[in-house]
């Protein structure tokens, strides 16, 4: 992922964490954000147990 895209994702996620607490809502927000900036078909998974 290019650095500018990574920074965009981190900033958007930090902002979303101020108002959203549920993993499902955070993932939905990030998917919509990336779809609007970089085109459709993004997937986002947020959660404590992902990858375990």
Protein backbone atom coordinates (compact mmCIF):
# COMPACT_ATOMS: atom_id res chain seq x y z
CA UNK A 1 0.00 0.00 0.00
CA UNK A 2 1.46 3.39 -0.95
CA UNK A 3 2.39 5.64 1.98
CA UNK A 4 -0.21 8.30 1.13
CA UNK A 5 -2.94 5.66 1.06
CA UNK A 6 -1.71 4.27 4.38
CA UNK A 7 -1.76 7.74 5.95
CA UNK A 8 -5.27 8.32 4.60
CA UNK A 9 -6.44 5.04 6.17
CA UNK A 10 -4.83 5.78 9.54
CA UNK A 11 -6.25 9.30 9.72
CA UNK A 12 -9.73 8.14 8.74
CA UNK A 13 -9.61 5.30 11.28
CA UNK A 14 -8.43 7.59 14.07
CA UNK A 15 -11.27 10.02 13.33
CA UNK A 16 -13.85 7.22 13.19
CA UNK A 17 -12.67 5.82 16.53
CA UNK A 18 -13.75 9.08 18.18
CA UNK A 19 -17.43 8.32 17.51
CA UNK A 20 -17.72 4.64 16.57
CA UNK A 21 -17.08 1.84 19.06
CA UNK A 22 -18.36 -1.30 17.36
CA UNK A 23 -15.93 -3.19 15.13
CA UNK A 24 -18.63 -3.80 12.52
CA UNK A 25 -19.41 -0.06 12.27
CA UNK A 26 -15.72 0.84 12.06
CA UNK A 27 -15.20 -1.69 9.26
CA UNK A 28 -18.23 -0.36 7.38
CA UNK A 29 -16.98 3.21 7.72
CA UNK A 30 -13.51 2.30 6.44
CA UNK A 31 -14.88 0.35 3.49
CA UNK A 32 -17.11 3.27 2.46
CA UNK A 33 -14.21 5.70 2.90
CA UNK A 34 -11.86 3.64 0.70
CA UNK A 35 -14.57 2.96 -1.88
CA UNK A 36 -15.16 6.70 -2.23
CA UNK A 37 -11.45 7.58 -2.46
CA UNK A 38 -10.01 4.65 -4.41
CA UNK A 39 -12.88 2.93 -6.21
CA UNK A 40 -15.12 0.07 -5.25
CA UNK A 41 -14.44 -3.48 -4.10
CA UNK A 42 -12.48 -2.80 -0.90
CA UNK A 43 -12.85 -5.11 2.07
CA UNK A 44 -12.18 -4.19 5.68
CA UNK A 45 -12.08 -6.34 8.79
CA UNK A 46 -11.83 -4.80 12.25
CA UNK A 47 -11.66 -6.75 15.49
CA UNK A 48 -9.54 -8.05 18.31
CA UNK A 49 -9.66 -11.70 17.27
CA UNK A 50 -8.89 -11.30 13.56
CA UNK A 51 -5.83 -13.28 12.51
CA UNK A 52 -5.63 -15.45 15.60
